[in-house]
N, C-alpha and C. Protein backbone atom coordinates (compact mmCIF):
# COMPACT_ATOMS: atom_id res chain seq x y z
N MET A 1 3.37 148.53 33.45
CA MET A 1 3.36 148.27 34.87
C MET A 1 4.74 147.77 35.29
N PRO A 2 5.27 148.30 36.43
CA PRO A 2 6.60 147.89 36.88
C PRO A 2 6.65 146.39 37.16
N ALA A 3 7.81 145.82 36.85
CA ALA A 3 7.99 144.38 37.04
C ALA A 3 8.33 144.03 38.48
N SER A 4 8.78 144.99 39.26
CA SER A 4 9.15 144.68 40.64
C SER A 4 8.88 145.88 41.54
N ILE A 5 8.88 145.62 42.83
CA ILE A 5 8.68 146.70 43.80
C ILE A 5 9.83 147.69 43.74
N LEU A 6 11.05 147.23 43.42
CA LEU A 6 12.18 148.14 43.31
C LEU A 6 12.01 149.13 42.17
N GLU A 7 11.45 148.66 41.06
CA GLU A 7 11.17 149.58 39.95
C GLU A 7 10.11 150.60 40.36
N GLU A 8 9.12 150.16 41.09
CA GLU A 8 8.06 151.06 41.56
C GLU A 8 8.64 152.14 42.47
N VAL A 9 9.51 151.75 43.38
CA VAL A 9 10.14 152.72 44.28
C VAL A 9 10.97 153.71 43.48
N ASP A 10 11.73 153.24 42.51
CA ASP A 10 12.53 154.14 41.67
C ASP A 10 11.65 155.16 40.96
N ILE A 11 10.52 154.72 40.45
CA ILE A 11 9.59 155.63 39.76
C ILE A 11 9.04 156.67 40.74
N LEU A 12 8.65 156.23 41.92
CA LEU A 12 8.11 157.16 42.91
C LEU A 12 9.15 158.18 43.35
N LEU A 13 10.39 157.77 43.51
CA LEU A 13 11.45 158.69 43.89
C LEU A 13 11.73 159.71 42.80
N GLU A 14 11.57 159.33 41.56
CA GLU A 14 11.80 160.26 40.45
C GLU A 14 10.73 161.33 40.38
N VAL A 15 9.48 160.98 40.65
CA VAL A 15 8.39 161.93 40.49
C VAL A 15 8.03 162.65 41.79
N ALA A 16 8.52 162.18 42.92
CA ALA A 16 8.20 162.82 44.20
C ALA A 16 8.91 164.16 44.29
N PRO A 17 8.23 165.16 44.88
CA PRO A 17 8.91 166.45 45.07
C PRO A 17 10.08 166.29 46.03
N LYS A 18 11.15 166.99 45.75
CA LYS A 18 12.32 166.91 46.62
C LYS A 18 12.03 167.63 47.93
N ARG A 19 12.28 166.95 49.03
CA ARG A 19 12.03 167.53 50.35
C ARG A 19 13.33 168.01 50.95
N LYS A 20 13.24 169.08 51.70
CA LYS A 20 14.41 169.58 52.41
C LYS A 20 14.68 168.68 53.60
N LYS A 21 15.94 168.50 53.90
CA LYS A 21 16.31 167.70 55.06
C LYS A 21 16.12 168.54 56.31
N ALA A 22 15.76 167.88 57.39
CA ALA A 22 15.59 168.57 58.67
C ALA A 22 16.94 169.06 59.17
N THR A 23 16.93 170.21 59.78
CA THR A 23 18.13 170.77 60.36
C THR A 23 17.98 170.76 61.87
N PHE A 24 18.94 170.20 62.55
CA PHE A 24 18.89 170.13 63.99
C PHE A 24 19.85 171.13 64.59
N LEU A 25 19.43 171.72 65.69
CA LEU A 25 20.26 172.66 66.41
C LEU A 25 20.81 171.95 67.64
N ASN A 26 22.12 171.91 67.77
CA ASN A 26 22.74 171.25 68.91
C ASN A 26 23.11 172.27 69.96
N CYS A 27 23.02 171.87 71.22
CA CYS A 27 23.44 172.72 72.33
C CYS A 27 24.95 172.92 72.25
N PRO A 28 25.41 174.18 72.33
CA PRO A 28 26.85 174.42 72.27
C PRO A 28 27.57 173.96 73.54
N SER A 29 26.83 173.72 74.60
CA SER A 29 27.44 173.30 75.86
C SER A 29 27.61 171.79 75.95
N CYS A 30 26.53 171.05 75.69
CA CYS A 30 26.58 169.59 75.86
C CYS A 30 26.43 168.81 74.56
N GLY A 31 26.03 169.48 73.46
CA GLY A 31 25.88 168.81 72.18
C GLY A 31 24.53 168.14 71.96
N SER A 32 23.63 168.23 72.91
CA SER A 32 22.32 167.59 72.79
C SER A 32 21.48 168.25 71.69
N VAL A 33 20.60 167.45 71.07
CA VAL A 33 19.67 168.00 70.09
C VAL A 33 18.33 168.36 70.73
N HIS A 34 18.23 168.21 72.03
CA HIS A 34 16.99 168.53 72.75
C HIS A 34 17.00 170.02 73.09
N VAL A 35 16.66 170.82 72.08
CA VAL A 35 16.72 172.28 72.20
C VAL A 35 15.33 172.86 71.95
N ALA A 36 14.92 173.76 72.82
CA ALA A 36 13.63 174.43 72.68
C ALA A 36 13.86 175.88 72.25
N GLN A 37 13.02 176.36 71.35
CA GLN A 37 13.08 177.74 70.91
C GLN A 37 12.11 178.53 71.76
N VAL A 38 12.56 179.64 72.35
CA VAL A 38 11.72 180.44 73.23
C VAL A 38 11.81 181.91 72.83
N LEU A 39 10.79 182.66 73.20
CA LEU A 39 10.77 184.09 72.94
C LEU A 39 11.58 184.80 74.02
N GLY A 40 12.58 185.58 73.59
CA GLY A 40 13.45 186.28 74.53
C GLY A 40 12.77 187.50 75.13
N ASP A 41 13.40 188.06 76.15
CA ASP A 41 12.87 189.24 76.84
C ASP A 41 12.74 190.44 75.92
N ASN A 42 13.65 190.60 74.98
CA ASN A 42 13.63 191.75 74.08
C ASN A 42 12.84 191.47 72.81
N GLY A 43 12.09 190.36 72.77
CA GLY A 43 11.30 190.01 71.60
C GLY A 43 12.05 189.15 70.60
N GLY A 44 13.32 188.91 70.86
CA GLY A 44 14.12 188.07 69.97
C GLY A 44 13.90 186.59 70.28
N ILE A 45 14.59 185.76 69.55
CA ILE A 45 14.50 184.32 69.72
C ILE A 45 15.69 183.84 70.54
N SER A 46 15.41 183.03 71.54
CA SER A 46 16.45 182.40 72.34
C SER A 46 16.25 180.90 72.31
N TYR A 47 17.25 180.17 72.73
CA TYR A 47 17.20 178.71 72.74
C TYR A 47 17.58 178.21 74.13
N VAL A 48 16.96 177.12 74.54
CA VAL A 48 17.26 176.50 75.82
C VAL A 48 17.42 175.01 75.60
N CYS A 49 18.52 174.46 76.11
CA CYS A 49 18.74 173.02 76.04
C CYS A 49 17.96 172.37 77.16
N THR A 50 17.05 171.46 76.80
CA THR A 50 16.24 170.80 77.83
C THR A 50 17.01 169.67 78.49
N ALA A 51 18.19 169.36 77.99
CA ALA A 51 19.00 168.31 78.60
C ALA A 51 19.89 168.86 79.73
N CYS A 52 20.52 170.02 79.48
CA CYS A 52 21.45 170.54 80.49
C CYS A 52 21.05 171.90 81.05
N GLY A 53 20.06 172.57 80.44
CA GLY A 53 19.60 173.87 80.94
C GLY A 53 20.33 175.06 80.37
N HIS A 54 21.33 174.85 79.55
CA HIS A 54 22.07 175.97 78.95
C HIS A 54 21.16 176.79 78.06
N SER A 55 21.26 178.11 78.10
CA SER A 55 20.45 178.97 77.22
C SER A 55 21.36 179.91 76.46
N TRP A 56 20.94 180.28 75.25
CA TRP A 56 21.70 181.18 74.40
C TRP A 56 20.78 181.79 73.36
N SER A 57 21.28 182.82 72.68
CA SER A 57 20.49 183.45 71.62
C SER A 57 21.35 183.73 70.41
């Protein structure tokens, strides 16, 4: 049995599956991370910044 909570955390980190880090998409106009993914007119994927209204694909 671990002698301290720090040892317990170390053990859990060793056996836990490695998770991928989240990737954020920033608006190329204002730099905001408040970006929505939308379906484009041609069936493709487009993005809209909910902070400034800029859209791109």
